[in-house]
Each structure stands twice: as C-alpha cells, then as structure tokens.
Amino acid sequence: MKNLTGTRQILAAVFLATTAGIFSYPAWIFSEALLDFLDPPRRIANLGLLLLLFVPVLLLGAAILHKLANAGRDFFATLPIASMVVMLGMLILHQSAITARWHHTPEGKREEEVRRGAAAHEQLTQPGALAKLQPPLDQYQVAVLASLIIDPRLDPALLHRILVTFPKQVDCAIVKNSSASPEDLTTIWNEHICLDYDFAANRHTPLAIVQSIFESPRTDAPGWQLLSARGMTAARLAKESCDPNFLYFLFNAKGDLATDTKAGLLMRIEMTQNPCTPKLVWAQMQSPPELKQASQQRGQLPAYDRQTWEAQNWHPSR
C-alpha cells in the first residue's frame, strides 16, 4: 500500500480514533454497569476505566494501520489530537447519562431539592425581593416564602400584597404572622382552611373567629393543638367578650377549663381585665389564691358605656 500523506493521514487518524471509541465505549458502559452493583450511585464517569479500555484498542489499531499502510510521521502527530477529541466526546455523552440517572436516585433528588431550595432562599432574601415578587412561583420558592413571611417585623401592607398576589399559596403562613391585619385573617378564614391553633394564637384574629374556634373547631389537629387552641380562645374571650351570659358560662366551666387547670386559671385571671365581667362573677373570685389576688389587684373596672354597665349588672335568667 502507498504511504499515507497529508489529508489522508489526518483522516486516517480520525477514523482510527473513532473506531477505537466505537469498540471501547460499549465495553466501558458495560464495565461501569457491573461496578454499579457494588457501589452507591455514581455522579462522575470513571475516566480511569475509559483510558484502560480505550488506549489499548487505539494502540492496537495504530500498530495494525502502521503495519499495513506504513503510516508516516504526520499520522502519529494527528492521532493524539483525534483521540482526545473522541475521548472527550465519549466522556461528555456518558457524563450526561450518569447525571440524568443520578437525579432520579434518592440521593440525587435530595441534592437537587437542597440546591434549588438554597437558590430560592438566596433570591427571596435579597433586599426588597418580597415587595417585587411576581407569580408564578415554583414549589421551592413557595416553601421559602412561607418560611419568611411569618416574621412579625414584616409590614401588614406587604403581607396583604403577598396574600392577593399569591392566593392560597402561603395563606396559612400569613396566619402565623402576628402583624397580619384582621381583614386579611378574615379573608383567609373564609376562603382557606388553616389550623385553628394558628388563628387562636394570632392576637389580631377577629373575636368572631375566636368564638367560632372555641365553640366548634373545624380542623383536625394533634390533641395538644386542640387543647391549646381551646385554652387560648377561652382566655381571649374571657378578656374581650362583652356577652355576660357567655362570661358567666366560662367562669363556671369544668373539665379542661376548670379552675384547678392551668388554662382555666389563666382564663379567669384574664377575666379580671374585662370591664364587662358581671358583678356576680367578681363576687365568686375567692379561690384559688392566684385568682383572688388578681381580682384584688385589679379591682372592679368602671362601666364605660351602657353595654358594659348592663353586662356588669347582668343576672342569670330564672
């Protein structure tokens, strides 16, 4: 055969490198598949294994071609470059396949969630980011937003903007913010079911909602949350309600709101702060000692208006 010269030598080198890649690539994949049975999911292609398979095939092919065609110096100068290009192509192709497979493993999914969560957190914690935020939001941005808007230092106007811009996405997180306005809390109560506990714990929750939670809880929750919500709503109603019949009922409540319970005692102490507390209830505030002390320290509050006066002088119907 005639000597390979010029362009033919370059093409021969490319052909030889590609042929070596065609033979070694399936063997490389097969070898890595066998290793996967013993090792955890990999994230990086095994370059050492590729060299172990690719280089001998390439050298064998080069020796055969040199023997048959008497390849010249240009052929051997071009062969390393062609080999590197082919090997790089195989590596990129295989690495993309490994990366795609990794993302479907539990480890890969967790890593992706952490990465995207961190990116969302960095985006939303930039100065003024919440005020400029626009839909749509992905699940990671929603999760980060929900964690950020429970900060009581946020302005109620900003909370309102988030509520109307992203309806029913972070409503229950807004309920946990003590800066939320009563109007927004009422809107959420009417349109979305969130935990009664969170409504009960918010000092801006309208009294009508507090009364509704006390009388008929509407969400399932762990027992401690139900008891806590009942205790918080009872204390709030004892301090702010001006319904003398209901206040009398609270004062004489039993069970979880009995006088000898922590929630029951706190509720009755709060009642000493309420100007609508009936006089006959004041007369019964003699035990336990903590309640008697609270009633003596406060003293009976004056009647500021007719409703308060009527509540103070109320008597049970006979």
C-alpha atoms as a PDB file:
ATOM      1  CA  MET A   1       0.000   0.000   0.000  1.00  0.00           C
ATOM      2  CA  LYS A   2       1.123   3.557  -0.660  1.00  0.00           C
ATOM      3  CA  ASN A   3       2.228   5.786   2.136  1.00  0.00           C
ATOM      4  CA  LEU A   4      -0.484   7.906   3.737  1.00  0.00           C
ATOM      5  CA  THR A   5       0.229  11.600   3.182  1.00  0.00           C
ATOM      6  CA  GLY A   6      -1.257  14.953   4.181  1.00  0.00           C
ATOM      7  CA  THR A   7      -5.036  14.988   4.496  1.00  0.00           C
ATOM      8  CA  ARG A   8      -5.292  11.208   4.218  1.00  0.00           C
ATOM      9  CA  GLN A   9      -3.101  10.769   7.275  1.00  0.00           C
ATOM     10  CA  ILE A  10      -5.311  13.158   9.265  1.00  0.00           C
ATOM     11  CA  LEU A  11      -8.449  11.346   8.126  1.00  0.00           C
ATOM     12  CA  ALA A  12      -6.870   8.023   8.969  1.00  0.00           C
ATOM     13  CA  ALA A  13      -6.073   9.236  12.487  1.00  0.00           C
ATOM     14  CA  VAL A  14      -9.650  10.483  12.968  1.00  0.00           C
ATOM     15  CA  PHE A  15     -11.043   7.223  11.578  1.00  0.00           C
ATOM     16  CA  LEU A  16      -8.815   5.145  13.823  1.00  0.00           C
ATOM     17  CA  ALA A  17      -9.702   7.162  16.974  1.00  0.00           C
ATOM     18  CA  THR A  18     -13.423   6.958  16.181  1.00  0.00           C
ATOM     19  CA  THR A  19     -13.227   3.233  15.530  1.00  0.00           C
ATOM     20  CA  ALA A  20     -11.404   2.711  18.819  1.00  0.00           C
ATOM     21  CA  GLY A  21     -14.131   4.725  20.544  1.00  0.00           C
ATOM     22  CA  ILE A  22     -16.875   2.636  18.947  1.00  0.00           C
ATOM     23  CA  PHE A  23     -15.277  -0.541  20.252  1.00  0.00           C
ATOM     24  CA  SER A  24     -14.335   0.723  23.734  1.00  0.00           C
ATOM     25  CA  TYR A  25     -17.452   2.751  24.586  1.00  0.00           C
ATOM     26  CA  PRO A  26     -19.888  -0.212  24.930  1.00  0.00           C
ATOM     27  CA  ALA A  27     -17.263  -2.102  26.940  1.00  0.00           C
ATOM     28  CA  TRP A  28     -16.818   0.971  29.180  1.00  0.00           C
ATOM     29  CA  ILE A  29     -20.549   1.255  29.804  1.00  0.00           C
ATOM     30  CA  PHE A  30     -20.832  -2.462  30.484  1.00  0.00           C
ATOM     31  CA  SER A  31     -17.910  -2.386  32.945  1.00  0.00           C
ATOM     32  CA  GLU A  32     -19.377   0.583  34.808  1.00  0.00           C
ATOM     33  CA  ALA A  33     -22.764  -1.137  34.929  1.00  0.00           C
ATOM     34  CA  LEU A  34     -21.108  -4.094  36.651  1.00  0.00           C
ATOM     35  CA  LEU A  35     -19.474  -1.760  39.164  1.00  0.00           C
ATOM     36  CA  ASP A  36     -22.856  -0.154  39.918  1.00  0.00           C
ATOM     37  CA  PHE A  37     -23.977  -3.399  41.517  1.00  0.00           C
ATOM     38  CA  LEU A  38     -21.287  -2.995  44.162  1.00  0.00           C
ATOM     39  CA  ASP A  39     -21.093   0.775  44.649  1.00  0.00           C
ATOM     40  CA  PRO A  40     -23.646   3.504  45.505  1.00  0.00           C
ATOM     41  CA  PRO A  41     -24.973   5.552  42.582  1.00  0.00           C
ATOM     42  CA  ARG A  42     -22.128   7.416  40.917  1.00  0.00           C
ATOM     43  CA  ARG A  43     -22.092  11.048  39.868  1.00  0.00           C
ATOM     44  CA  ILE A  44     -18.913  11.062  37.744  1.00  0.00           C
ATOM     45  CA  ALA A  45     -17.931   8.862  34.811  1.00  0.00           C
ATOM     46  CA  ASN A  46     -14.945   6.616  35.541  1.00  0.00           C
ATOM     47  CA  LEU A  47     -12.265   8.196  33.369  1.00  0.00           C
ATOM     48  CA  GLY A  48      -9.615   5.726  34.515  1.00  0.00           C
ATOM     49  CA  LEU A  49     -11.711   2.824  33.262  1.00  0.00           C
ATOM     50  CA  LEU A  50     -12.198   4.589  29.931  1.00  0.00           C
ATOM     51  CA  LEU A  51      -8.448   5.005  29.498  1.00  0.00           C
ATOM     52  CA  LEU A  52      -7.887   1.394  30.453  1.00  0.00           C
ATOM     53  CA  LEU A  53     -10.163   0.239  27.635  1.00  0.00           C
ATOM     54  CA  PHE A  54      -9.723   2.944  25.024  1.00  0.00           C
ATOM     55  CA  VAL A  55      -5.931   3.280  24.939  1.00  0.00           C
ATOM     56  CA  PRO A  56      -5.114  -0.411  24.248  1.00  0.00           C
ATOM     57  CA  VAL A  57      -7.678  -0.552  21.436  1.00  0.00           C
ATOM     58  CA  LEU A  58      -6.271   2.665  19.991  1.00  0.00           C
ATOM     59  CA  LEU A  59      -2.659   1.453  20.176  1.00  0.00           C
ATOM     60  CA  LEU A  60      -3.589  -1.869  18.615  1.00  0.00           C
ATOM     61  CA  GLY A  61      -5.360  -0.133  15.769  1.00  0.00           C
ATOM     62  CA  ALA A  62      -2.443   2.248  15.261  1.00  0.00           C
ATOM     63  CA  ALA A  63       0.036  -0.625  15.111  1.00  0.00           C
ATOM     64  CA  ILE A  64      -2.072  -2.509  12.565  1.00  0.00           C
ATOM     65  CA  LEU A  65      -2.598   0.591  10.397  1.00  0.00           C
ATOM     66  CA  HIS A  66       1.097   1.452  10.538  1.00  0.00           C
ATOM     67  CA  LYS A  67       1.997  -2.078   9.523  1.00  0.00           C
ATOM     68  CA  LEU A  68      -0.427  -2.203   6.623  1.00  0.00           C
ATOM     69  CA  ALA A  69      -0.160   1.357   5.345  1.00  0.00           C
ATOM     70  CA  ASN A  70       3.311   2.368   6.533  1.00  0.00           C
ATOM     71  CA  ALA A  71       1.803   5.479   8.129  1.00  0.00           C
ATOM     72  CA  GLY A  72       4.154   8.403   8.372  1.00  0.00           C
ATOM     73  CA  ARG A  73       5.121  10.968  10.993  1.00  0.00           C
ATOM     74  CA  ASP A  74       2.060  13.192  10.371  1.00  0.00           C
ATOM     75  CA  PHE A  75      -0.251  10.316  11.205  1.00  0.00           C
ATOM     76  CA  PHE A  76       1.254   9.887  14.679  1.00  0.00           C
ATOM     77  CA  ALA A  77       1.225  13.653  15.265  1.00  0.00           C
ATOM     78  CA  THR A  78      -2.503  13.823  14.487  1.00  0.00           C
ATOM     79  CA  LEU A  79      -3.524  10.659  16.322  1.00  0.00           C
ATOM     80  CA  PRO A  80      -3.298  12.075  19.901  1.00  0.00           C
ATOM     81  CA  ILE A  81      -5.435  15.095  18.990  1.00  0.00           C
ATOM     82  CA  ALA A  82      -8.076  12.960  17.292  1.00  0.00           C
ATOM     83  CA  SER A  83      -8.016  10.541  20.220  1.00  0.00           C
ATOM     84  CA  MET A  84      -8.515  13.332  22.755  1.00  0.00           C
ATOM     85  CA  VAL A  85     -11.468  14.720  20.795  1.00  0.00           C
ATOM     86  CA  VAL A  86     -13.115  11.297  20.563  1.00  0.00           C
ATOM     87  CA  MET A  87     -12.469  10.522  24.237  1.00  0.00           C
ATOM     88  CA  LEU A  88     -13.826  13.924  25.292  1.00  0.00           C
ATOM     89  CA  GLY A  89     -16.976  13.301  23.231  1.00  0.00           C
ATOM     90  CA  MET A  90     -17.488   9.903  24.869  1.00  0.00           C
ATOM     91  CA  LEU A  91     -16.918  11.422  28.306  1.00  0.00           C
ATOM     92  CA  ILE A  92     -19.440  14.226  27.773  1.00  0.00           C
ATOM     93  CA  LEU A  93     -22.044  11.819  26.385  1.00  0.00           C
ATOM     94  CA  HIS A  94     -21.624   9.350  29.216  1.00  0.00           C
ATOM     95  CA  GLN A  95     -21.418  12.006  31.937  1.00  0.00           C
ATOM     96  CA  SER A  96     -24.756  13.453  30.817  1.00  0.00           C
ATOM     97  CA  ALA A  97     -26.314   9.995  31.051  1.00  0.00           C
ATOM     98  CA  ILE A  98     -24.875   9.440  34.547  1.00  0.00           C
ATOM     99  CA  THR A  99     -26.068  12.873  35.700  1.00  0.00           C
ATOM    100  CA  ALA A 100     -29.587  12.168  34.435  1.00  0.00           C
ATOM    101  CA  ARG A 101     -29.589   8.800  36.218  1.00  0.00           C
ATOM    102  CA  TRP A 102     -28.226  10.382  39.413  1.00  0.00           C
ATOM    103  CA  HIS A 103     -31.065  12.904  39.504  1.00  0.00           C
ATOM    104  CA  HIS A 104     -33.544  10.007  39.708  1.00  0.00           C
ATOM    105  CA  THR A 105     -31.889   8.449  42.755  1.00  0.00           C
ATOM    106  CA  PRO A 106     -33.000   9.391  46.295  1.00  0.00           C
ATOM    107  CA  GLU A 107     -29.607  10.989  46.921  1.00  0.00           C
ATOM    108  CA  GLY A 108     -29.786  12.973  43.704  1.00  0.00           C
ATOM    109  CA  LYS A 109     -33.320  14.153  44.390  1.00  0.00           C
ATOM    110  CA  ARG A 110     -32.341  15.352  47.865  1.00  0.00           C
ATOM    111  CA  GLU A 111     -29.314  17.166  46.498  1.00  0.00           C
ATOM    112  CA  GLU A 112     -31.406  18.831  43.799  1.00  0.00           C
ATOM    113  CA  GLU A 113     -34.001  19.896  46.353  1.00  0.00           C
ATOM    114  CA  VAL A 114     -31.304  21.378  48.594  1.00  0.00           C
ATOM    115  CA  ARG A 115     -29.714  23.188  45.670  1.00  0.00           C
ATOM    116  CA  ARG A 116     -32.958  24.645  44.377  1.00  0.00           C
ATOM    117  CA  GLY A 117     -34.107  25.499  47.894  1.00  0.00           C
ATOM    118  CA  ALA A 118     -30.850  27.350  48.557  1.00  0.00           C
ATOM    119  CA  ALA A 119     -31.202  29.225  45.260  1.00  0.00           C
ATOM    120  CA  ALA A 120     -34.772  30.226  46.120  1.00  0.00           C
ATOM    121  CA  HIS A 121     -33.714  31.359  49.594  1.00  0.00           C
ATOM    122  CA  GLU A 122     -30.904  33.474  48.178  1.00  0.00           C
ATOM    123  CA  GLN A 123     -33.290  35.042  45.664  1.00  0.00           C
ATOM    124  CA  LEU A 124     -36.055  35.874  48.149  1.00  0.00           C
ATOM    125  CA  THR A 125     -33.786  37.197  50.885  1.00  0.00           C
ATOM    126  CA  GLN A 126     -32.368  39.929  48.675  1.00  0.00           C
ATOM    127  CA  PRO A 127     -33.346  43.447  49.866  1.00  0.00           C
ATOM    128  CA  GLY A 128     -36.787  44.346  48.510  1.00  0.00           C
ATOM    129  CA  ALA A 129     -37.270  40.942  46.856  1.00  0.00           C
ATOM    130  CA  LEU A 130     -40.596  40.196  48.587  1.00  0.00           C
ATOM    131  CA  ALA A 131     -42.070  43.523  47.540  1.00  0.00           C
ATOM    132  CA  LYS A 132     -41.168  42.882  43.888  1.00  0.00           C
ATOM    133  CA  LEU A 133     -42.035  39.191  43.749  1.00  0.00           C
ATOM    134  CA  GLN A 134     -44.362  38.165  40.918  1.00  0.00           C
ATOM    135  CA  PRO A 135     -46.053  34.857  40.008  1.00  0.00           C
ATOM    136  CA  PRO A 136     -45.592  32.123  39.125  1.00  0.00           C
ATOM    137  CA  LEU A 137     -43.591  30.538  41.932  1.00  0.00           C
ATOM    138  CA  ASP A 138     -42.150  27.040  41.939  1.00  0.00           C
ATOM    139  CA  GLN A 139     -42.526  24.763  44.947  1.00  0.00           C
ATOM    140  CA  TYR A 140     -39.145  25.771  46.369  1.00  0.00           C
ATOM    141  CA  GLN A 141     -39.939  29.467  46.194  1.00  0.00           C
ATOM    142  CA  VAL A 142     -43.307  28.838  47.839  1.00  0.00           C
ATOM    143  CA  ALA A 143     -41.642  26.929  50.681  1.00  0.00           C
ATOM    144  CA  VAL A 144     -39.051  29.665  51.244  1.00  0.00           C
ATOM    145  CA  LEU A 145     -41.696  32.399  51.017  1.00  0.00           C
ATOM    146  CA  ALA A 146     -43.823  30.622  53.617  1.00  0.00           C
ATOM    147  CA  SER A 147     -40.851  30.478  55.992  1.00  0.00           C
ATOM    148  CA  LEU A 148     -40.052  34.163  55.515  1.00  0.00           C
ATOM    149  CA  ILE A 149     -43.475  35.733  55.898  1.00  0.00           C
ATOM    150  CA  ILE A 150     -44.023  34.516  59.448  1.00  0.00           C
ATOM    151  CA  ASP A 151     -41.578  37.221  60.554  1.00  0.00           C
ATOM    152  CA  PRO A 152     -43.682  39.660  62.662  1.00  0.00           C
ATOM    153  CA  ARG A 153     -41.446  42.542  61.579  1.00  0.00           C
ATOM    154  CA  LEU A 154     -42.973  42.478  58.087  1.00  0.00           C
ATOM    155  CA  ASP A 155     -45.338  45.288  57.206  1.00  0.00           C
ATOM    156  CA  PRO A 156     -49.068  44.383  57.121  1.00  0.00           C
ATOM    157  CA  ALA A 157     -49.316  46.026  53.694  1.00  0.00           C
ATOM    158  CA  LEU A 158     -46.624  43.679  52.356  1.00  0.00           C
ATOM    159  CA  LEU A 159     -48.464  40.679  53.826  1.00  0.00           C
ATOM    160  CA  HIS A 160     -51.652  41.859  52.125  1.00  0.00           C
ATOM    161  CA  ARG A 161     -49.858  42.194  48.782  1.00  0.00           C
ATOM    162  CA  ILE A 162     -48.492  38.656  49.081  1.00  0.00           C
ATOM    163  CA  LEU A 163     -51.949  37.369  50.012  1.00  0.00           C
ATOM    164  CA  VAL A 164     -53.632  38.844  46.929  1.00  0.00           C
ATOM    165  CA  THR A 165     -50.711  38.174  44.559  1.00  0.00           C
ATOM    166  CA  PHE A 166     -50.269  34.526  45.526  1.00  0.00           C
ATOM    167  CA  PRO A 167     -53.760  33.418  46.633  1.00  0.00           C
ATOM    168  CA  LYS A 168     -53.954  30.193  48.665  1.00  0.00           C
ATOM    169  CA  GLN A 169     -50.230  29.517  48.297  1.00  0.00           C
ATOM    170  CA  VAL A 170     -48.921  30.909  51.584  1.00  0.00           C
ATOM    171  CA  ASP A 171     -52.182  31.830  53.334  1.00  0.00           C
ATOM    172  CA  CYS A 172     -51.585  29.590  56.335  1.00  0.00           C
ATOM    173  CA  ALA A 173     -48.114  31.059  56.813  1.00  0.00           C
ATOM    174  CA  ILE A 174     -49.628  34.569  56.887  1.00  0.00           C
ATOM    175  CA  VAL A 175     -51.975  33.420  59.678  1.00  0.00           C
ATOM    176  CA  LYS A 176     -48.885  32.697  61.808  1.00  0.00           C
ATOM    177  CA  ASN A 177     -47.696  36.299  61.491  1.00  0.00           C
ATOM    178  CA  SER A 178     -48.905  38.461  64.367  1.00  0.00           C
ATOM    179  CA  SER A 179     -48.641  41.527  62.086  1.00  0.00           C
ATOM    180  CA  ALA A 180     -51.350  40.251  59.730  1.00  0.00           C
ATOM    181  CA  SER A 181     -54.386  42.522  59.608  1.00  0.00           C
ATOM    182  CA  PRO A 182     -57.783  41.365  60.908  1.00  0.00           C
ATOM    183  CA  GLU A 183     -59.214  41.846  57.399  1.00  0.00           C
ATOM    184  CA  ASP A 184     -56.646  39.507  55.847  1.00  0.00           C
ATOM    185  CA  LEU A 185     -57.172  36.950  58.607  1.00  0.00           C
ATOM    186  CA  THR A 186     -60.921  37.060  57.967  1.00  0.00           C
ATOM    187  CA  THR A 187     -60.345  36.573  54.241  1.00  0.00           C
ATOM    188  CA  ILE A 188     -58.153  33.531  54.875  1.00  0.00           C
ATOM    189  CA  TRP A 189     -60.655  32.122  57.379  1.00  0.00           C
ATOM    190  CA  ASN A 190     -63.466  32.386  54.831  1.00  0.00           C
ATOM    191  CA  GLU A 191     -61.531  31.048  51.835  1.00  0.00           C
ATOM    192  CA  HIS A 192     -58.956  28.571  53.102  1.00  0.00           C
ATOM    193  CA  ILE A 193     -58.785  26.024  55.889  1.00  0.00           C
ATOM    194  CA  CYS A 194     -55.753  26.564  58.106  1.00  0.00           C
ATOM    195  CA  LEU A 195     -55.079  25.271  61.600  1.00  0.00           C
ATOM    196  CA  ASP A 196     -57.380  26.608  64.301  1.00  0.00           C
ATOM    197  CA  TYR A 197     -54.314  26.727  66.548  1.00  0.00           C
ATOM    198  CA  ASP A 198     -52.641  29.355  64.347  1.00  0.00           C
ATOM    199  CA  PHE A 199     -55.762  31.526  64.253  1.00  0.00           C
ATOM    200  CA  ALA A 200     -56.139  31.200  68.031  1.00  0.00           C
ATOM    201  CA  ALA A 201     -52.514  32.200  68.607  1.00  0.00           C
ATOM    202  CA  ASN A 202     -52.755  35.354  66.476  1.00  0.00           C
ATOM    203  CA  ARG A 203     -53.691  38.393  68.561  1.00  0.00           C
ATOM    204  CA  HIS A 204     -55.255  40.111  65.534  1.00  0.00           C
ATOM    205  CA  THR A 205     -57.739  37.339  64.778  1.00  0.00           C
ATOM    206  CA  PRO A 206     -61.247  38.873  64.978  1.00  0.00           C
ATOM    207  CA  LEU A 207     -63.199  37.915  68.066  1.00  0.00           C
ATOM    208  CA  ALA A 208     -65.986  36.328  65.999  1.00  0.00           C
ATOM    209  CA  ILE A 209     -63.476  33.829  64.570  1.00  0.00           C
ATOM    210  CA  VAL A 210     -62.059  33.202  68.038  1.00  0.00           C
ATOM    211  CA  GLN A 211     -65.567  32.433  69.292  1.00  0.00           C
ATOM    212  CA  SER A 212     -66.183  30.105  66.353  1.00  0.00           C
ATOM    213  CA  ILE A 213     -62.970  28.180  67.071  1.00  0.00           C
ATOM    214  CA  PHE A 214     -63.901  27.855  70.739  1.00  0.00           C
ATOM    215  CA  GLU A 215     -67.394  26.585  70.028  1.00  0.00           C
ATOM    216  CA  SER A 216     -66.746  24.325  67.016  1.00  0.00           C
ATOM    217  CA  PRO A 217     -63.188  23.563  65.878  1.00  0.00           C
ATOM    218  CA  ARG A 218     -63.190  22.875  62.157  1.00  0.00           C
ATOM    219  CA  THR A 219     -59.784  21.283  61.526  1.00  0.00           C
ATOM    220  CA  ASP A 220     -58.207  18.042  62.605  1.00  0.00           C
ATOM    221  CA  ALA A 221     -55.046  18.503  64.637  1.00  0.00           C
ATOM    222  CA  PRO A 222     -52.993  16.711  67.291  1.00  0.00           C
ATOM    223  CA  GLY A 223     -54.646  16.648  70.701  1.00  0.00           C
ATOM    224  CA  TRP A 224     -52.223  19.172  72.223  1.00  0.00           C
ATOM    225  CA  GLN A 225     -53.037  21.673  69.484  1.00  0.00           C
ATOM    226  CA  LEU A 226     -56.773  21.301  70.043  1.00  0.00           C
ATOM    227  CA  LEU A 227     -56.381  21.819  73.794  1.00  0.00           C
ATOM    228  CA  SER A 228     -54.014  24.759  73.290  1.00  0.00           C
ATOM    229  CA  ALA A 229     -56.357  26.397  70.782  1.00  0.00           C
ATOM    230  CA  ARG A 230     -59.274  25.952  73.170  1.00  0.00           C
ATOM    231  CA  GLY A 231     -57.291  27.431  76.054  1.00  0.00           C
ATOM    232  CA  MET A 232     -56.077  30.424  74.016  1.00  0.00           C
ATOM    233  CA  THR A 233     -59.514  31.207  72.632  1.00  0.00           C
ATOM    234  CA  ALA A 234     -61.064  30.896  76.086  1.00  0.00           C
ATOM    235  CA  ALA A 235     -58.513  33.353  77.530  1.00  0.00           C
ATOM    236  CA  ARG A 236     -59.045  35.799  74.664  1.00  0.00           C
ATOM    237  CA  LEU A 237     -62.841  35.645  75.004  1.00  0.00           C
ATOM    238  CA  ALA A 238     -62.630  35.990  78.784  1.00  0.00           C
ATOM    239  CA  LYS A 239     -60.701  39.228  78.347  1.00  0.00           C
ATOM    240  CA  GLU A 240     -62.523  40.786  75.366  1.00  0.00           C
ATOM    241  CA  SER A 241     -66.058  39.396  75.118  1.00  0.00           C
ATOM    242  CA  CYS A 242     -68.884  41.583  76.400  1.00  0.00           C
ATOM    243  CA  ASP A 243     -71.507  38.841  76.485  1.00  0.00           C
ATOM    244  CA  PRO A 244     -72.264  38.426  80.226  1.00  0.00           C
ATOM    245  CA  ASN A 245     -74.059  35.120  79.731  1.00  0.00           C
ATOM    246  CA  PHE A 246     -71.028  33.684  77.928  1.00  0.00           C
ATOM    247  CA  LEU A 247     -68.607  35.120  80.511  1.00  0.00           C
ATOM    248  CA  TYR A 248     -70.653  33.520  83.277  1.00  0.00           C
ATOM    249  CA  PHE A 249     -70.525  30.224  81.363  1.00  0.00           C
ATOM    250  CA  LEU A 250     -66.728  30.493  81.006  1.00  0.00           C
ATOM    251  CA  PHE A 251     -66.217  31.266  84.666  1.00  0.00           C
ATOM    252  CA  ASN A 252     -68.169  28.177  85.686  1.00  0.00           C
ATOM    253  CA  ALA A 253     -66.621  25.902  83.009  1.00  0.00           C
ATOM    254  CA  LYS A 254     -65.415  22.461  84.054  1.00  0.00           C
ATOM    255  CA  GLY A 255     -63.156  19.823  82.536  1.00  0.00           C
ATOM    256  CA  ASP A 256     -60.163  21.229  80.674  1.00  0.00           C
ATOM    257  CA  LEU A 257     -61.147  24.767  81.742  1.00  0.00           C
ATOM    258  CA  ALA A 258     -61.777  24.033  85.409  1.00  0.00           C
ATOM    259  CA  THR A 259     -60.293  26.383  87.993  1.00  0.00           C
ATOM    260  CA  ASP A 260     -57.604  23.894  89.003  1.00  0.00           C
ATOM    261  CA  THR A 261     -56.211  23.654  85.454  1.00  0.00           C
ATOM    262  CA  LYS A 262     -53.557  25.962  84.050  1.00  0.00           C
ATOM    263  CA  ALA A 263     -55.739  27.028  81.106  1.00  0.00           C
ATOM    264  CA  GLY A 264     -58.753  27.540  83.353  1.00  0.00           C
ATOM    265  CA  LEU A 265     -56.850  29.671  85.854  1.00  0.00           C
ATOM    266  CA  LEU A 266     -55.307  31.810  83.099  1.00  0.00           C
ATOM    267  CA  MET A 267     -58.739  32.308  81.537  1.00  0.00           C
ATOM    268  CA  ARG A 268     -60.228  33.532  84.844  1.00  0.00           C
ATOM    269  CA  ILE A 269     -57.276  35.834  85.508  1.00  0.00           C
ATOM    270  CA  GLU A 270     -57.800  37.363  82.062  1.00  0.00           C
ATOM    271  CA  MET A 271     -61.436  37.871  83.024  1.00  0.00           C
ATOM    272  CA  THR A 272     -60.313  40.288  85.733  1.00  0.00           C
ATOM    273  CA  GLN A 273     -59.115  42.594  82.919  1.00  0.00           C
ATOM    274  CA  ASN A 274     -62.540  42.671  81.267  1.00  0.00           C
ATOM    275  CA  PRO A 275     -64.837  45.591  82.207  1.00  0.00           C
ATOM    276  CA  CYS A 276     -67.835  43.520  81.072  1.00  0.00           C
ATOM    277  CA  THR A 277     -67.299  40.841  83.702  1.00  0.00           C
ATOM    278  CA  PRO A 278     -70.588  40.568  85.720  1.00  0.00           C
ATOM    279  CA  LYS A 279     -70.515  41.602  89.386  1.00  0.00           C
ATOM    280  CA  LEU A 280     -71.755  38.192  90.467  1.00  0.00           C
ATOM    281  CA  VAL A 281     -68.653  36.671  88.869  1.00  0.00           C
ATOM    282  CA  TRP A 282     -66.430  39.120  90.760  1.00  0.00           C
ATOM    283  CA  ALA A 283     -68.110  38.011  93.949  1.00  0.00           C
ATOM    284  CA  GLN A 284     -67.051  34.406  93.288  1.00  0.00           C
ATOM    285  CA  MET A 285     -63.380  35.216  92.650  1.00  0.00           C
ATOM    286  CA  GLN A 286     -62.161  33.960  96.026  1.00  0.00           C
ATOM    287  CA  SER A 287     -60.295  30.811  95.041  1.00  0.00           C
ATOM    288  CA  PRO A 288     -57.725  29.763  94.134  1.00  0.00           C
ATOM    289  CA  PRO A 289     -55.405  32.310  95.774  1.00  0.00           C
ATOM    290  CA  GLU A 290     -53.902  33.423  92.436  1.00  0.00           C
ATOM    291  CA  LEU A 291     -57.339  34.374  91.157  1.00  0.00           C
ATOM    292  CA  LYS A 292     -58.300  36.181  94.361  1.00  0.00           C
ATOM    293  CA  GLN A 293     -55.034  38.137  94.249  1.00  0.00           C
ATOM    294  CA  ALA A 294     -55.559  39.113  90.599  1.00  0.00           C
ATOM    295  CA  SER A 295     -59.111  40.326  91.313  1.00  0.00           C
ATOM    296  CA  GLN A 296     -57.981  42.361  94.324  1.00  0.00           C
ATOM    297  CA  GLN A 297     -55.086  43.956  92.484  1.00  0.00           C
ATOM    298  CA  ARG A 298     -57.233  44.997  89.563  1.00  0.00           C
ATOM    299  CA  GLY A 299     -60.444  45.844  91.332  1.00  0.00           C
ATOM    300  CA  GLN A 300     -63.755  46.074  89.535  1.00  0.00           C
ATOM    301  CA  LEU A 301     -63.442  48.151  86.383  1.00  0.00           C
ATOM    302  CA  PRO A 302     -65.845  51.057  85.849  1.00  0.00           C
ATOM    303  CA  ALA A 303     -68.624  50.891  83.289  1.00  0.00           C
ATOM    304  CA  TYR A 304     -67.665  52.977  80.279  1.00  0.00           C
ATOM    305  CA  ASP A 305     -70.918  52.671  78.350  1.00  0.00           C
ATOM    306  CA  ARG A 306     -74.402  51.230  78.640  1.00  0.00           C
ATOM    307  CA  GLN A 307     -73.444  47.823  77.203  1.00  0.00           C
ATOM    308  CA  THR A 308     -70.685  47.467  79.794  1.00  0.00           C
ATOM    309  CA  TRP A 309     -72.964  48.634  82.617  1.00  0.00           C
ATOM    310  CA  GLU A 310     -75.640  46.133  81.596  1.00  0.00           C
ATOM    311  CA  ALA A 311     -73.035  43.342  81.412  1.00  0.00           C
ATOM    312  CA  GLN A 312     -71.746  44.148  84.890  1.00  0.00           C
ATOM    313  CA  ASN A 313     -75.248  44.099  86.362  1.00  0.00           C
ATOM    314  CA  TRP A 314     -76.435  41.026  84.478  1.00  0.00           C
ATOM    315  CA  HIS A 315     -78.038  38.108  86.331  1.00  0.00           C
ATOM    316  CA  PRO A 316     -78.872  34.627  85.031  1.00  0.00           C
ATOM    317  CA  SER A 317     -82.441  34.279  83.865  1.00  0.00           C
ATOM    318  CA  ARG A 318     -84.622  32.435  86.345  1.00  0.00           C
END
